[in-house]
Every structure is written in structure tokens, then in C-alpha cells.
Amino acid sequence: MSGMDLQQDRSEHVQPRLRRQTSAEIVSEARRSLRALATQRPLTPQEKHRPLFGESSSRAHDGRPPSAFSLHGRHFEAPDSRPGSGTRLSPLEHKPRLSVSLDEYGGDNEASLPKPPAERGSTRIGSGGSRARPLRAASIHRLPVMTPHTRNMSLEARIEVEQPDDREKLHYADVTEHKTKPSPETDLHTLLKHRIPQTDVSTEREAKPEARLGYGDTCDDNMDDSVFWSTKVLPVLQEFESFAPGDGVSDEIVGQLCISCNRLHDALAERGMLGRQCKKRSAILRTLFRLIDVGSDQLNLTLAKLILALNVSGNNLLNICKLVFKISRNASNDGMFLADSILDSLLCQLQCEDVWSKAEAVLYCVGSLKLLSGNSAVSSRLLAKDFIGTLLQLSNSLMHGPVTADVTTQRSEGIIAGHILVQVTAALRNIADQSESRPSFLSNEAFFTLCVILEHHRSDLDICINVARIFSKLSTYTECCHALAETPRCCKLFLELLGKHSRKQDLVVRLLFTLGNLTSKSVEARERVYEEEGGIDVLLDLFQAYQETLSSPEQCHAPEKEDILVKLIRLLANLAIHPTVGSALAANSLCVQLLLEVLGRRCVEKSEELVINAVATINNLSYYQCESSVVRSQHTHISQLLLKLLLSSSMDAVLEATRVFGNLSQIRAVRRFIMQHRVEQFVVTLLDSKTPDVCFSACGVLINLSADPDHRAALRAEGTTQKLMDCLRDLGPRDWHLAAVVCQTLWNCSLDGEMQHSQKLLEILQLYTDKGALQWPSDDGVRQVQEACWELLFLPVAESLRQRLHVEDTPGISP
């Protein structure tokens, strides 16, 4: 019987799957010499200043929304409780103090301020200022403007007096005389009591039970609203009006204002007056807008939550979202977003049906969430609130915008949609760092939506790079990798983008990395890349372009360009695992030429990963023995390049070179080259490494050398038999596939001579062929793999070798 032919490299042991593998499948995978390559994921750079658009953004600075701006209370418009007129209102005139005009509490509807409780006076005066205006009879919704002389009067005191009945109308001139020339010592409350007659409220109500006491429909309901307003709302507004922003702000004061804001929010929420339900909403908003000038991030965030809850729109909504974005730019503020429910308020803005009506506000809202999602604690909180689902739903809305025939409108909507999608994809990029995000990505069909975004915005580099970063992160996980590989047209889309943006290194390196992950785990992905028209040409064109760039002296060690070649060559190696693709690449002269150029030009000490990936790819290609293989036709050149690697200090490079020699040593000329250059001595020495992978690769070469009768004596003279026996004894129970290959090598080495150390070897074989005497792993999956390899790979050749040792004159047989 002839000697054993080449035994090629194997892949790593297969991890247990949901479906239990058969023994034949386990052995088939164990015998495979083709290996998928791994590499490091490209790092995502961190933006130091948390901008809306990154420093490397492809958008022109003068054509994109700003990240920095100034916001004050005066930038907010009069609250929008009245129906819109189509005309933008002028900003409120800035006032240095937060005086709250009580006539603002009236809102926009008649009788919008409720009467106070019945035990108080029933007379009111009209609103006043520097110039008096006539009082309106029987009107209770107009209150006097607060002046420096009324500031110290409580709100409660100022609403004690009411407008008298029609029978007791006053001449406003009397009041005006005193109001236009007040003295500092004058007590306004006392003055009003003398000038305006009082009436008994209870008597008047008994006579007129139908009188309107507030903005409700019935007397009892109105009384409830009146009590609520005077006890829950007015005290908070009174506190706000007494505070002047320019007085200097202590943390204690800010904390008290925040508590008051939250108290007002809770009171309105409990009463069902959030949104646009509160008829005194305008007055509340004006007061809140003025508090923004305090300049405290903590207070402004609390104000933002309440203002958003009051359902502002237009310019006010935009400004409040800008304010939140401004706060979120400071990483030290991240904890504030965790301590409040502001995250819910921001997410609500993204869930609107008509995103186009407030697109710019949504832009800054998503921008804030993008910045915050870079904080692991905040991102975990966002994940619990279905952040990924919300962003994907928003993306779908943006890609299916309103149909309009106006070209200008379409263009402007397309621009703002692109800006928002940059923020959406960047937020998803950040959230993808969280391991707990993967179920959400998988359950929301995120990969399909992201591919659609790529397809619609393939010319937008910012969006493309963000999506590529998401894929590069998630594709490192098996379940996500398979989900992406099953997404229709994803491989085609990646190849198209590689061809379109071949010089955009940030994009190219991530697309290549993702394709490398897909082809390392998915047979379908290998087929799709190969079958895509022009797909292999795109990859080889990239290979040639970046290879030429690195050939220039000034670029010879450019890390970014070299990393692209690392990812690209790894992709080729993984593609070559497929028999059809591997045979085609092995026969592609340009592909082989580019790989050999890497080995010839690059130094393993300076470009270790690049060189090792190139050798590993050649190893996968050398597996195919087709006549058209360029690798096998250039075996002499390749052997010379491998010899240089065997002498390097990199053990990984030595291992890869040995693997290639294991395939090429099937060729007689290569075996002669090995023996002429004393390579076999180096290979025998590798058996001392006590590392299964290294010993396995060494045996791959030794099997082929020992199959040639011309080289057996030289191998025995190197002490090969003893080293193989030591390897079997020490490593056999850990790796039965390796044990089988060692036995095959021992058989070949002794075909034309007496077996050395036969008694010692026989004892080892008797022990290892007794299944009951062996110790097996407790893990069921690992044990299944080991038992299958022991039974189908090791046991047959071990039994044959053991029988031969009993009868020394038995003719040589090949296992």
C-alpha cells in the first residue's frame, strides 16, 4: 500500500449548534484545511466636543444646522394658544426681571381666570400701566400689570378685589390720579380699598347663582378649578415672579426652582391640563420662558420637560429642542438626563405622525439623544424605552415623506431628512456598542431598514459611514451576522458602495470588514459576493489601487491604507472557503500576483497582520489542485517567499508558512526544495512546541515528505519518530484529529524500515484505543465532537498501527 498523502489543515472545533451534528458532519468539518480569518474591528473615533455633525462630516459648514448657538428667553415667541395666522410673531421684549403680568393670566378667552374662593372680596380693577385704560364692567379676567410698587404685593392680595356690578361703575380717572403719581410709602392694596367699593361675594352669588366663577360650566366645577388655580398654580408663579435672573444664582435657589417646576408639572398632569388643555397655558409659558435666562443647565432641563409637556409648537418647539441639545453637549450633564423623565419627553417628539411639520426640532431632538447614547448608562435606559424601534420608525417616516409636486419643497425636505438620518444612524451606531441592544436590532428588522437607508442615501457619506459602523459592530456576533447575510441585496449594495466610494477609507474599511464577517460564517454570503456581476473585479480593483498607493515611499507604512488591505485580503481568504469561489480565485492571475507582491514587498516585522493574512489566503487557494491554479504553477516562487517567513521571529508567520508547505508539498518539486534547503529540520523542531495547531501543521508537511521513499531515512535520522510519539502521548487526548495525523505520519515513516521505539508506542496505543479508560469532557457538546473524532478519525488508523506493531513483518499498508 502506498504512503499517506497530504493531510491538510483543519478549522477550529465547531461549537455545538441548536441541531446536533452527526458524526460524519463533525469529521468533515474537522478535516477541512480551509480556515476563516479573523481581524480587529475598525475603531469608531470619539468626538471630543459632541457636535451635531462630526469633524469629518462631508457636509459643508455653511450649509448645515449649527451645533453652537445662543438662546435666551427673548428668543421664544408669544405662546401659541391662539389659532395660527400664518405670520411669525416677533420675539418677546427682553425684561431684566421676571415680573409676571397678571393680565397675562387671562389667556385668550373671555373669563379665563377663575374667581377666588367665595370668602374673598368681589371687586377688581382693570389692568393698568403707565397709562390708565377704562375698566370693563363685569369682567374678571383682566388683572393689573405688576409694577415696581406692586411687586411686593402677593398675587392673592392683588386678586382680592373684583370689578363691581354695573350699578356701581367707577370713574377710572380717580384711580388713574393715584396710579400715575404714587409715592414710595403708598400701600397700593390700601389705596385700592379706598377707591374701589367692595361688595359681599356671598350675597352677590346668592342673588346671581348663574354667575361665571371660572372657565367651567357649572358652579361646583368652577369652584374646584378656582381652588386648584389659586392653591396649586398661582403660588408657583408667584415664586417665579419674585426671582430676578441677574441677582446671582446659587445651587440652592436653582434646586428650589426645579422642585417648583416639577410641582407645577405634577399638578397640571394630575388635573389633566398638560398639552393644550389649560386655558391659562399662555401665562404659564411666558413665565417659564423668562426663567431660561437664569442660565442653569439643571433648571433649563427641568423647564424643557414642562414646556414640552405643554405641547409648544413652531419656533418655541425648535428653540426648546435646541436648548436641550445645548445641554446635552456637555458630558458632565448626562446624569441630569437620568435623574428626570426628560428622555420620555424627547422620545415623544420622535413619535409624531407628521415629522415634516417640526423637522428641524426633531433634528436637534435626535441630535441630543445621539450625544446621550454615547453614555452607557443613558443608552441602557434608552434601550429599555424601545429607543431602537422608535428610531427605525422615524427613519421609515423620513423615507416615505409627503408627496409634493413642488421641486423646491422636495429638495428642502430631502436635505432636512438627510440631516435627521445622520443623527438617527449615529445614535444607532452608539447604541450598537451595548450587548443588550442585539435583541432589539434583530426583532425590529433593523438590518433591512438600514439597508434601505443606505440604498436611498448612497451618495450621503455621513449616513453611509454611520450605517457601515453599525454593521461592522453587529456583524461580529453570529446571530446578527446571519441576519444581515439573509437581508436581500445587502452584499450587492456593499459592493456597489465600494465601487462608488473607493477612496473613502473610513467607509471602505468598514464595508470590507463587514463582508469579511459575513463570508466567514455564511455560505450564502460567499456565493452572493462571487455571483454578483463585477463583484470580484471591484475587490481586485481596490486591492490593486491601495497596493500601488502603499508602494510609494511616503505611503509605504500608512496605517489606514494598510488596514484596508488587511480587511480586503481577509475577505478573499474567507471567500476562498467556497469550492467554486476558491477555484476561481486560485486561477485568477491578478489575485495571486497581488498576494505575492504583498509577501515580496512587505516585512513581517512591520506589517505582521497584512503578511500573515496574505499567506493564509495563499494557503486556502493552494488547497485546490485544479490544473488552472496559478498558485500551484508558481510553487517555486511561493516556496522561496515562504522560506523567508520561516526564518522570521513571528511564530504566527511561521505557522502560516508551514501550512502552505503542507499543501504544496504534495508537489514533488516542492518536496525536493524542502529537503535541499533543510526545511524538514525546522519542521521537525516544531513538534517540540507542544501546541496542537503547530504540531498539526508540521505533521501536514511530514506526512507528504515521508510518503516519498527518498526522504524517509533523512526524517528518521532527525529523530522524527521519537518526537511524534511524544506529541501523541502529550496532545492526543486533547485533540484526536491531531492524534490521527501523528499515527499516519508514524506509519509512513516506518514503511521501509523497522519501527523505532515500537514497545513504547504500543503501550500508548493500547491505552488510547480503550474508550472506557479515557477521560471525556463533562460538556455534552464538546464530548460529542471529541468522541466523533476519536471514533471516526483516530481509532481506525490507531488500530491498524497497533496491529502492525504486533507483526513486524506485516507488509506496509496505508491507513
Foldseek 3Di string as FASTA:
>chain_A
DFADAFQFAAEPQDFADPDGDDLVVLVVRGSDRFAFDDDDFDDDDDAPQLFLDGPPFPDDPVPDDGRDDDDALQLDDQFDLDDDPPDDGHGDDDDQALFFFQLLLLFDDFQAAFAADQQFWAAAAAADDLDDDAGDAPGQNGFYGDDPLCLPPAPVLRSRHHHDHPVQGDDCVVVNVCVNDDDSVDNVSVVCPVRGDTDRRVVVCVVPVCRGRHPDRHPVVSNVVNCLCVPQPRVLLSVLRVDGLVPDDDPVNLVVNLVSLVSNQVSCVVVVNWASNRSSLSSVVSSLSNCVSNVDLLNLLSSLQRVLRNPTADSNLQSSLSSLLSSLSDVVCLVSCVVDVSVVSLLVLLPDPACVRPLNSVLSSLSSLLSSLLDVVVLVVCVVVLVVLSLLVSLVDLVVDDDDPDPVVVVVSVVSSVSSLLSSLSSLLSSLVDPVCVVSCVVNVVLLSLVVVCVVPVVRVSSLLSSLSSLLSQLVDPVSLVSNLPHPCPLVSLLVSCQVPVPPLSNLLSSLSNLSSNLSRDPSSLVVQVPRVCNVVSLLVSLVVLLVQLVDPVNVQPPSSLSSLLSSLSSLSSSLSDPVSLQVLQLDPSNLVSLLVCLVPDDCVRNVSNVLSSLSSLLSSLQDPDPSGPSLVPVVSLLVSLVVQCPDPDPSSVLSSLSSLLSNLLDVVSLVVCVVVVVLLSLLVQLVVLDLSSLQSSLSNLSSNLSDVVCLVVCVVSVSLVSLLVSCQRCCLVDVLSNLSSLSSQLSSPQPHFRPPLVSSLVSLVQLLDVVNDDADPDPRRRVSSVSSCVPRRNVSSVVSNVCSVPVPDHRDHD
